[in-house]
N, C-alpha and C. Protein backbone atom coordinates (compact mmCIF):
# COMPACT_ATOMS: atom_id res chain seq x y z
N MET A 1 -41.51 39.79 5.65
CA MET A 1 -40.45 38.92 6.13
C MET A 1 -40.74 37.46 5.79
N ALA A 2 -42.00 37.06 5.92
CA ALA A 2 -42.38 35.68 5.62
C ALA A 2 -42.19 35.35 4.15
N GLN A 3 -42.23 36.36 3.29
CA GLN A 3 -42.09 36.12 1.86
C GLN A 3 -40.66 35.70 1.51
N TRP A 4 -39.67 35.95 2.39
CA TRP A 4 -38.28 35.56 2.13
C TRP A 4 -37.93 34.19 2.70
N ILE A 5 -38.74 33.64 3.59
CA ILE A 5 -38.42 32.37 4.25
C ILE A 5 -38.47 31.20 3.26
N VAL A 6 -39.52 31.11 2.48
CA VAL A 6 -39.67 30.00 1.53
C VAL A 6 -38.54 29.99 0.49
N PRO A 7 -38.22 31.11 -0.15
CA PRO A 7 -37.10 31.10 -1.10
C PRO A 7 -35.75 30.80 -0.42
N LEU A 8 -35.58 31.29 0.80
CA LEU A 8 -34.33 31.06 1.52
C LEU A 8 -34.18 29.57 1.86
N ILE A 9 -35.22 28.94 2.33
CA ILE A 9 -35.18 27.51 2.64
C ILE A 9 -34.95 26.70 1.36
N SER A 10 -35.62 27.09 0.30
CA SER A 10 -35.46 26.41 -0.99
C SER A 10 -34.03 26.52 -1.50
N THR A 11 -33.45 27.68 -1.38
CA THR A 11 -32.05 27.90 -1.80
C THR A 11 -31.10 27.08 -0.94
N ALA A 12 -31.31 27.05 0.35
CA ALA A 12 -30.45 26.27 1.26
C ALA A 12 -30.52 24.78 0.92
N ILE A 13 -31.72 24.27 0.66
CA ILE A 13 -31.87 22.85 0.30
C ILE A 13 -31.16 22.57 -1.02
N SER A 14 -31.24 23.46 -1.98
CA SER A 14 -30.58 23.29 -3.27
C SER A 14 -29.06 23.26 -3.12
N ILE A 15 -28.53 24.15 -2.29
CA ILE A 15 -27.07 24.19 -2.07
C ILE A 15 -26.60 22.92 -1.38
N ILE A 16 -27.33 22.46 -0.39
CA ILE A 16 -26.96 21.21 0.31
C ILE A 16 -27.03 20.03 -0.66
N SER A 17 -28.05 19.98 -1.49
CA SER A 17 -28.19 18.90 -2.48
C SER A 17 -27.03 18.93 -3.48
N LEU A 18 -26.63 20.10 -3.92
CA LEU A 18 -25.50 20.23 -4.83
C LEU A 18 -24.22 19.73 -4.17
N PHE A 19 -24.02 20.06 -2.91
CA PHE A 19 -22.85 19.61 -2.17
C PHE A 19 -22.79 18.08 -2.13
N PHE A 20 -23.90 17.43 -1.80
CA PHE A 20 -23.93 15.96 -1.75
C PHE A 20 -23.74 15.35 -3.13
N ALA A 21 -24.29 15.97 -4.16
CA ALA A 21 -24.10 15.47 -5.52
C ALA A 21 -22.64 15.55 -5.94
N LEU A 22 -21.97 16.65 -5.60
CA LEU A 22 -20.55 16.79 -5.92
C LEU A 22 -19.71 15.77 -5.16
N GLN A 23 -20.02 15.54 -3.90
CA GLN A 23 -19.28 14.54 -3.11
C GLN A 23 -19.46 13.14 -3.69
N THR A 24 -20.67 12.81 -4.08
CA THR A 24 -20.95 11.50 -4.67
C THR A 24 -20.17 11.33 -5.97
N TYR A 25 -20.17 12.36 -6.80
CA TYR A 25 -19.42 12.31 -8.06
C TYR A 25 -17.94 12.17 -7.77
N TYR A 26 -17.42 12.95 -6.84
CA TYR A 26 -15.99 12.92 -6.55
C TYR A 26 -15.53 11.56 -6.02
N VAL A 27 -16.33 10.93 -5.17
CA VAL A 27 -15.97 9.62 -4.63
C VAL A 27 -15.89 8.59 -5.75
N SER A 28 -16.74 8.71 -6.75
CA SER A 28 -16.71 7.74 -7.85
C SER A 28 -15.66 8.07 -8.90
N GLN A 29 -15.15 9.28 -8.91
CA GLN A 29 -14.18 9.72 -9.93
C GLN A 29 -12.84 10.08 -9.31
N ARG A 30 -12.30 9.19 -8.52
CA ARG A 30 -11.00 9.41 -7.90
C ARG A 30 -10.18 8.14 -7.99
N PRO A 31 -8.88 8.22 -7.77
CA PRO A 31 -8.07 7.00 -7.77
C PRO A 31 -8.22 6.25 -6.44
N TYR A 32 -8.10 4.95 -6.52
CA TYR A 32 -8.04 4.08 -5.33
C TYR A 32 -6.83 3.18 -5.53
N VAL A 33 -5.76 3.46 -4.80
CA VAL A 33 -4.50 2.76 -5.00
C VAL A 33 -4.14 1.98 -3.74
N GLY A 34 -3.69 0.75 -3.92
CA GLY A 34 -3.29 -0.06 -2.78
C GLY A 34 -2.62 -1.35 -3.21
N VAL A 35 -2.05 -2.06 -2.25
CA VAL A 35 -1.43 -3.36 -2.50
C VAL A 35 -2.55 -4.39 -2.57
N PHE A 36 -2.66 -5.08 -3.70
CA PHE A 36 -3.74 -6.05 -3.81
C PHE A 36 -3.22 -7.48 -3.86
N ASP A 37 -1.92 -7.69 -4.01
CA ASP A 37 -1.37 -9.04 -3.99
C ASP A 37 0.14 -8.93 -3.77
N ILE A 38 0.72 -10.01 -3.27
CA ILE A 38 2.17 -10.07 -3.10
C ILE A 38 2.64 -11.42 -3.62
N ASN A 39 3.41 -11.38 -4.71
CA ASN A 39 3.98 -12.61 -5.28
C ASN A 39 5.26 -12.93 -4.51
N THR A 40 5.40 -14.18 -4.11
CA THR A 40 6.54 -14.59 -3.30
C THR A 40 7.23 -15.79 -3.93
N GLN A 41 8.55 -15.77 -3.89
CA GLN A 41 9.36 -16.89 -4.39
C GLN A 41 10.41 -17.21 -3.33
N VAL A 42 10.51 -18.48 -2.97
CA VAL A 42 11.48 -18.93 -1.98
C VAL A 42 12.52 -19.79 -2.70
N GLU A 43 13.78 -19.43 -2.53
CA GLU A 43 14.87 -20.22 -3.12
C GLU A 43 15.50 -21.06 -2.02
N LYS A 44 15.83 -22.30 -2.38
CA LYS A 44 16.43 -23.23 -1.41
C LYS A 44 17.77 -23.73 -1.94
N ASP A 45 18.63 -24.15 -1.01
CA ASP A 45 19.90 -24.72 -1.43
C ASP A 45 19.71 -26.19 -1.79
N GLU A 46 20.80 -26.88 -2.10
CA GLU A 46 20.72 -28.28 -2.52
C GLU A 46 20.20 -29.21 -1.42
N LYS A 47 20.25 -28.77 -0.17
CA LYS A 47 19.73 -29.57 0.94
C LYS A 47 18.25 -29.28 1.22
N GLY A 48 17.68 -28.33 0.48
CA GLY A 48 16.28 -27.97 0.69
C GLY A 48 16.06 -26.93 1.78
N ILE A 49 17.14 -26.29 2.22
CA ILE A 49 17.04 -25.26 3.26
C ILE A 49 16.81 -23.90 2.58
N PRO A 50 15.81 -23.15 3.03
CA PRO A 50 15.54 -21.84 2.43
C PRO A 50 16.73 -20.89 2.60
N THR A 51 17.12 -20.24 1.50
CA THR A 51 18.25 -19.31 1.54
C THR A 51 17.85 -17.88 1.16
N THR A 52 16.81 -17.74 0.36
CA THR A 52 16.41 -16.41 -0.13
C THR A 52 14.90 -16.34 -0.26
N ILE A 53 14.35 -15.20 0.13
CA ILE A 53 12.93 -14.92 -0.11
C ILE A 53 12.89 -13.69 -1.01
N LYS A 54 12.22 -13.82 -2.17
CA LYS A 54 12.01 -12.69 -3.07
C LYS A 54 10.51 -12.43 -3.15
N TRP A 55 10.14 -11.17 -3.25
CA TRP A 55 8.72 -10.85 -3.35
C TRP A 55 8.52 -9.62 -4.22
N GLN A 56 7.30 -9.49 -4.71
CA GLN A 56 6.88 -8.31 -5.43
C GLN A 56 5.50 -7.92 -4.91
N SER A 57 5.40 -6.75 -4.32
CA SER A 57 4.10 -6.24 -3.92
C SER A 57 3.47 -5.62 -5.17
N LEU A 58 2.27 -6.08 -5.50
CA LEU A 58 1.56 -5.57 -6.66
C LEU A 58 0.66 -4.43 -6.21
N ILE A 59 0.94 -3.24 -6.73
CA ILE A 59 0.18 -2.05 -6.37
C ILE A 59 -0.69 -1.68 -7.57
N LYS A 60 -1.98 -1.52 -7.32
CA LYS A 60 -2.92 -1.30 -8.42
C LYS A 60 -3.82 -0.10 -8.13
N ASN A 61 -4.13 0.62 -9.19
CA ASN A 61 -5.10 1.71 -9.12
C ASN A 61 -6.44 1.16 -9.61
N THR A 62 -7.37 0.96 -8.71
CA THR A 62 -8.69 0.44 -9.08
C THR A 62 -9.70 1.55 -9.30
N GLY A 63 -9.25 2.79 -9.19
CA GLY A 63 -10.14 3.93 -9.42
C GLY A 63 -10.30 4.23 -10.89
N LYS A 64 -11.01 5.32 -11.18
CA LYS A 64 -11.34 5.68 -12.56
C LYS A 64 -10.45 6.78 -13.13
N VAL A 65 -9.55 7.34 -12.32
CA VAL A 65 -8.68 8.40 -12.81
C VAL A 65 -7.23 8.08 -12.41
N PRO A 66 -6.25 8.63 -13.14
CA PRO A 66 -4.84 8.39 -12.81
C PRO A 66 -4.47 8.92 -11.43
N ALA A 67 -3.44 8.33 -10.86
CA ALA A 67 -2.95 8.75 -9.55
C ALA A 67 -1.45 9.02 -9.64
N LEU A 68 -1.05 10.14 -9.10
CA LEU A 68 0.37 10.47 -8.98
C LEU A 68 0.81 10.00 -7.60
N THR A 69 1.64 8.95 -7.56
CA THR A 69 2.02 8.35 -6.28
C THR A 69 3.42 8.79 -5.85
N VAL A 70 3.60 8.85 -4.55
CA VAL A 70 4.90 9.17 -3.95
C VAL A 70 5.17 8.10 -2.90
N MET A 71 6.22 7.30 -3.10
CA MET A 71 6.59 6.26 -2.15
C MET A 71 7.24 6.92 -0.94
N GLU A 72 6.59 6.79 0.19
CA GLU A 72 7.09 7.41 1.43
C GLU A 72 7.99 6.45 2.21
N LYS A 73 7.62 5.15 2.18
CA LYS A 73 8.34 4.19 3.03
C LYS A 73 8.19 2.79 2.45
N HIS A 74 9.31 2.08 2.37
CA HIS A 74 9.31 0.66 2.04
C HIS A 74 10.46 0.05 2.83
N VAL A 75 10.15 -0.38 4.03
CA VAL A 75 11.16 -0.88 4.96
C VAL A 75 10.76 -2.28 5.40
N CYS A 76 11.70 -3.20 5.30
CA CYS A 76 11.47 -4.56 5.77
C CYS A 76 12.43 -4.84 6.93
N GLN A 77 11.95 -5.65 7.87
CA GLN A 77 12.77 -5.95 9.03
C GLN A 77 12.48 -7.35 9.55
N VAL A 78 13.51 -7.89 10.19
CA VAL A 78 13.39 -9.17 10.89
C VAL A 78 13.35 -8.83 12.37
N LYS A 79 12.34 -9.35 13.07
CA LYS A 79 12.17 -9.03 14.48
C LYS A 79 12.33 -10.29 15.33
N LYS A 80 13.15 -10.15 16.36
CA LYS A 80 13.34 -11.23 17.33
C LYS A 80 13.31 -10.58 18.70
N GLY A 81 12.17 -10.71 19.37
CA GLY A 81 11.99 -10.05 20.65
C GLY A 81 11.99 -8.55 20.46
N GLU A 82 12.88 -7.84 21.16
CA GLU A 82 12.99 -6.39 21.03
C GLU A 82 13.93 -5.97 19.91
N LEU A 83 14.71 -6.92 19.39
CA LEU A 83 15.67 -6.63 18.33
C LEU A 83 14.96 -6.57 16.98
N SER A 84 15.20 -5.50 16.24
CA SER A 84 14.63 -5.34 14.91
C SER A 84 15.78 -5.02 13.96
N VAL A 85 15.98 -5.89 12.95
CA VAL A 85 17.09 -5.73 12.02
C VAL A 85 16.53 -5.41 10.64
N PRO A 86 16.86 -4.23 10.07
CA PRO A 86 16.37 -3.91 8.73
C PRO A 86 17.04 -4.77 7.68
N THR A 87 16.30 -5.05 6.60
CA THR A 87 16.85 -5.81 5.48
C THR A 87 16.83 -4.94 4.24
N SER A 88 17.52 -5.39 3.22
CA SER A 88 17.60 -4.61 1.99
C SER A 88 16.45 -4.97 1.05
N THR A 89 16.19 -4.07 0.11
CA THR A 89 15.22 -4.34 -0.94
C THR A 89 15.98 -4.37 -2.26
N ILE A 90 15.37 -5.00 -3.27
CA ILE A 90 16.05 -5.07 -4.56
C ILE A 90 15.32 -4.23 -5.58
N GLY A 91 16.03 -3.94 -6.62
CA GLY A 91 15.41 -3.23 -7.74
C GLY A 91 15.30 -1.75 -7.48
N PRO A 92 15.31 -0.99 -8.55
CA PRO A 92 15.13 0.45 -8.37
C PRO A 92 13.67 0.76 -8.07
N VAL A 93 13.42 1.30 -6.92
CA VAL A 93 12.06 1.66 -6.53
C VAL A 93 11.86 3.12 -6.90
N ARG A 94 10.88 3.37 -7.76
CA ARG A 94 10.61 4.75 -8.16
C ARG A 94 10.04 5.51 -6.97
N LYS A 95 10.56 6.67 -6.75
CA LYS A 95 10.06 7.50 -5.65
C LYS A 95 8.69 8.08 -6.00
N THR A 96 8.52 8.50 -7.24
CA THR A 96 7.22 9.00 -7.68
C THR A 96 6.85 8.32 -8.99
N GLY A 97 5.58 8.28 -9.28
CA GLY A 97 5.15 7.68 -10.54
C GLY A 97 3.67 7.90 -10.76
N LEU A 98 3.28 7.72 -11.99
CA LEU A 98 1.90 7.85 -12.39
C LEU A 98 1.33 6.45 -12.59
N ILE A 99 0.22 6.15 -11.92
CA ILE A 99 -0.45 4.87 -12.08
C ILE A 99 -1.81 5.13 -12.70
N LEU A 100 -1.99 4.62 -13.90
CA LEU A 100 -3.25 4.80 -14.62
C LEU A 100 -4.32 3.87 -14.06
N PRO A 101 -5.59 4.10 -14.38
CA PRO A 101 -6.65 3.19 -13.93
C PRO A 101 -6.40 1.76 -14.41
N ASP A 102 -6.57 0.80 -13.51
CA ASP A 102 -6.36 -0.63 -13.76
C ASP A 102 -4.91 -1.00 -14.06
N GLN A 103 -3.98 -0.09 -13.86
CA GLN A 103 -2.57 -0.38 -14.08
C GLN A 103 -1.96 -0.96 -12.81
N ILE A 104 -1.00 -1.86 -12.99
CA ILE A 104 -0.29 -2.48 -11.87
C ILE A 104 1.17 -2.06 -11.93
N THR A 105 1.72 -1.70 -10.79
CA THR A 105 3.15 -1.44 -10.68
C THR A 105 3.69 -2.36 -9.58
N TYR A 106 4.98 -2.64 -9.62
CA TYR A 106 5.57 -3.63 -8.74
C TYR A 106 6.56 -2.98 -7.78
N LEU A 107 6.55 -3.46 -6.54
CA LEU A 107 7.48 -3.02 -5.52
C LEU A 107 8.26 -4.26 -5.07
N PRO A 108 9.49 -4.44 -5.60
CA PRO A 108 10.24 -5.67 -5.32
C PRO A 108 11.00 -5.62 -4.00
N GLY A 109 11.34 -6.80 -3.50
CA GLY A 109 12.17 -6.92 -2.31
C GLY A 109 12.77 -8.30 -2.20
N ARG A 110 13.78 -8.43 -1.36
CA ARG A 110 14.42 -9.73 -1.12
C ARG A 110 15.16 -9.73 0.20
N ILE A 111 15.29 -10.90 0.75
CA ILE A 111 16.13 -11.10 1.92
C ILE A 111 16.89 -12.41 1.69
N SER A 112 18.19 -12.38 2.00
CA SER A 112 19.01 -13.59 1.86
C SER A 112 20.19 -13.48 2.80
N GLY A 113 20.84 -14.61 3.03
CA GLY A 113 22.01 -14.63 3.90
C GLY A 113 21.65 -14.43 5.35
N GLU A 114 22.62 -13.92 6.10
CA GLU A 114 22.42 -13.67 7.53
C GLU A 114 22.76 -12.24 7.87
N VAL A 115 22.01 -11.69 8.79
CA VAL A 115 22.29 -10.36 9.33
C VAL A 115 22.27 -10.47 10.84
N LEU A 116 23.38 -10.17 11.47
CA LEU A 116 23.53 -10.27 12.93
C LEU A 116 23.10 -11.64 13.45
N GLY A 117 23.49 -12.68 12.73
CA GLY A 117 23.19 -14.04 13.16
C GLY A 117 21.76 -14.49 12.89
N ILE A 118 20.98 -13.69 12.20
CA ILE A 118 19.61 -14.06 11.87
C ILE A 118 19.56 -14.37 10.38
N GLY A 119 19.11 -15.58 10.04
CA GLY A 119 19.07 -16.00 8.64
C GLY A 119 17.66 -16.30 8.18
N VAL A 120 17.54 -16.58 6.89
CA VAL A 120 16.24 -16.89 6.29
C VAL A 120 15.63 -18.13 6.94
N GLN A 121 16.45 -19.12 7.27
CA GLN A 121 15.92 -20.33 7.89
C GLN A 121 15.28 -20.04 9.26
N ASP A 122 15.73 -18.98 9.94
CA ASP A 122 15.11 -18.58 11.20
C ASP A 122 13.68 -18.09 11.00
N ILE A 123 13.42 -17.50 9.84
CA ILE A 123 12.06 -17.07 9.51
C ILE A 123 11.17 -18.30 9.33
N PHE A 124 11.70 -19.32 8.67
CA PHE A 124 10.91 -20.51 8.39
C PHE A 124 10.67 -21.39 9.61
N ASN A 125 11.58 -21.40 10.56
CA ASN A 125 11.33 -22.24 11.74
C ASN A 125 10.71 -21.45 12.89
N GLY A 126 10.27 -20.19 12.60
CA GLY A 126 9.49 -19.44 13.58
C GLY A 126 10.29 -18.74 14.67
N LYS A 127 11.61 -18.69 14.54
CA LYS A 127 12.42 -18.02 15.56
C LYS A 127 12.31 -16.50 15.47
N VAL A 128 12.00 -16.00 14.27
CA VAL A 128 11.88 -14.56 14.07
C VAL A 128 10.64 -14.26 13.23
N ILE A 129 10.22 -13.00 13.25
CA ILE A 129 9.10 -12.52 12.44
C ILE A 129 9.65 -11.60 11.37
N PHE A 130 9.20 -11.79 10.14
CA PHE A 130 9.65 -10.97 9.02
C PHE A 130 8.49 -10.12 8.53
N THR A 131 8.65 -8.79 8.59
CA THR A 131 7.59 -7.87 8.17
C THR A 131 8.14 -6.82 7.21
N CYS A 132 7.23 -6.25 6.43
CA CYS A 132 7.56 -5.11 5.55
C CYS A 132 6.51 -4.04 5.75
N ASP A 133 6.97 -2.81 5.91
CA ASP A 133 6.07 -1.66 6.02
C ASP A 133 6.09 -0.91 4.70
N ILE A 134 4.90 -0.69 4.16
CA ILE A 134 4.76 0.03 2.90
C ILE A 134 3.87 1.24 3.17
N GLU A 135 4.33 2.39 2.72
CA GLU A 135 3.51 3.60 2.86
C GLU A 135 3.74 4.47 1.63
N PHE A 136 2.66 4.90 1.03
CA PHE A 136 2.76 5.85 -0.06
C PHE A 136 1.54 6.77 -0.04
N SER A 137 1.72 7.91 -0.66
CA SER A 137 0.62 8.85 -0.80
C SER A 137 0.36 9.03 -2.28
N TYR A 138 -0.85 9.47 -2.60
CA TYR A 138 -1.18 9.72 -3.99
C TYR A 138 -2.20 10.83 -4.09
N THR A 139 -2.16 11.50 -5.22
CA THR A 139 -3.07 12.61 -5.48
C THR A 139 -3.76 12.38 -6.82
N THR A 140 -4.85 13.07 -7.00
CA THR A 140 -5.54 13.02 -8.28
C THR A 140 -4.83 13.95 -9.25
N MET A 141 -5.15 13.79 -10.50
CA MET A 141 -4.54 14.63 -11.53
C MET A 141 -5.43 15.82 -11.89
N SER A 142 -6.59 15.93 -11.26
CA SER A 142 -7.50 17.02 -11.62
C SER A 142 -7.01 18.34 -11.03
N TRP A 143 -7.31 19.41 -11.69
CA TRP A 143 -6.87 20.72 -11.24
C TRP A 143 -7.86 21.32 -10.24
N TRP A 144 -9.09 20.85 -10.23
CA TRP A 144 -10.11 21.49 -9.40
C TRP A 144 -10.31 20.81 -8.06
N LEU A 145 -10.00 19.54 -7.93
CA LEU A 145 -10.09 18.87 -6.63
C LEU A 145 -8.83 18.04 -6.44
N LYS A 146 -7.82 18.64 -5.88
CA LYS A 146 -6.54 17.96 -5.70
C LYS A 146 -6.43 17.53 -4.24
N SER A 147 -6.83 16.30 -3.97
CA SER A 147 -6.78 15.77 -2.62
C SER A 147 -5.62 14.79 -2.49
N LYS A 148 -5.06 14.72 -1.30
CA LYS A 148 -3.98 13.79 -1.04
C LYS A 148 -4.53 12.61 -0.24
N TYR A 149 -4.19 11.40 -0.68
CA TYR A 149 -4.62 10.18 -0.01
C TYR A 149 -3.39 9.43 0.48
N VAL A 150 -3.56 8.65 1.52
CA VAL A 150 -2.45 7.90 2.11
C VAL A 150 -2.82 6.43 2.19
N TYR A 151 -1.86 5.57 1.86
CA TYR A 151 -2.03 4.12 2.00
C TYR A 151 -0.87 3.61 2.84
N GLN A 152 -1.19 2.84 3.88
CA GLN A 152 -0.17 2.24 4.75
C GLN A 152 -0.53 0.78 4.97
N ALA A 153 0.48 -0.07 4.93
CA ALA A 153 0.25 -1.49 5.21
C ALA A 153 1.50 -2.10 5.82
N THR A 154 1.28 -3.03 6.73
CA THR A 154 2.35 -3.86 7.27
C THR A 154 2.05 -5.28 6.83
N THR A 155 2.99 -5.84 6.08
CA THR A 155 2.83 -7.22 5.62
C THR A 155 3.73 -8.13 6.45
N ARG A 156 3.29 -9.36 6.60
CA ARG A 156 4.07 -10.31 7.39
C ARG A 156 4.22 -11.61 6.59
N PHE A 157 5.43 -12.14 6.58
CA PHE A 157 5.67 -13.40 5.87
C PHE A 157 5.20 -14.55 6.74
N MET A 158 4.40 -15.43 6.15
CA MET A 158 3.89 -16.61 6.85
C MET A 158 4.53 -17.86 6.23
N PRO A 159 5.46 -18.50 6.94
CA PRO A 159 6.14 -19.66 6.37
C PRO A 159 5.19 -20.82 6.04
N ASP A 160 4.08 -20.95 6.78
CA ASP A 160 3.13 -22.03 6.51
C ASP A 160 2.52 -21.91 5.13
N PHE A 161 2.30 -20.67 4.69
CA PHE A 161 1.68 -20.41 3.40
C PHE A 161 2.69 -20.06 2.32
N MET A 162 3.97 -19.96 2.70
CA MET A 162 5.05 -19.58 1.78
C MET A 162 4.74 -18.24 1.10
N GLY A 163 4.20 -17.31 1.86
CA GLY A 163 3.89 -16.00 1.28
C GLY A 163 3.56 -14.97 2.34
N PHE A 164 3.27 -13.77 1.86
CA PHE A 164 2.95 -12.65 2.73
C PHE A 164 1.44 -12.48 2.85
N PHE A 165 1.04 -11.85 3.93
CA PHE A 165 -0.33 -11.38 4.02
C PHE A 165 -0.29 -10.02 4.69
N ILE A 166 -1.31 -9.21 4.42
CA ILE A 166 -1.36 -7.87 5.00
C ILE A 166 -1.86 -7.99 6.43
N ASP A 167 -0.99 -7.66 7.35
CA ASP A 167 -1.27 -7.79 8.78
C ASP A 167 -2.11 -6.62 9.27
N VAL A 168 -1.67 -5.41 8.96
CA VAL A 168 -2.34 -4.19 9.38
C VAL A 168 -2.34 -3.24 8.18
N GLY A 169 -3.45 -2.55 7.97
CA GLY A 169 -3.51 -1.62 6.85
C GLY A 169 -4.36 -0.41 7.15
N PHE A 170 -4.10 0.67 6.43
CA PHE A 170 -4.87 1.90 6.55
C PHE A 170 -4.90 2.59 5.21
N ALA A 171 -6.03 3.09 4.84
CA ALA A 171 -6.17 3.90 3.62
C ALA A 171 -7.28 4.91 3.83
N ASN A 172 -7.14 6.04 3.20
CA ASN A 172 -8.22 7.03 3.28
C ASN A 172 -8.70 7.38 1.89
């Protein structure tokens, strides 16, 4: 019986080592996709009053393999107390797409005019909060380890900086 213990322990250690080696390789050979910057443009009327905010969320794959992405949610809203008013986005947003390593794709949006008495100038004078929720999932292109990853972020427009920043985020 003792003659089987040493080979059994040796085999168990080898299997555990192989598992950790595969996990290490997989972590280094997967896509990492997320919002890494948000370009913002503010348009003003002839009096200098803000009338339109346009933005592009830059989504980049910093991993080493392509990612097949699925846009789950891109919703922007103006919040005043308990009232939350959704706003529109511009441009055709692809529902699915392939993002290659180091490739950037853009998620555009805009807000202008007034909705239920809330205007762009209300965002600038602090009467309301303007946020956008972005959520997408992505998978690897490999046939042998097909894992699904999720990226979620809430961005908030900061009038002092004339741009957005990521308020809350989650990625796995």
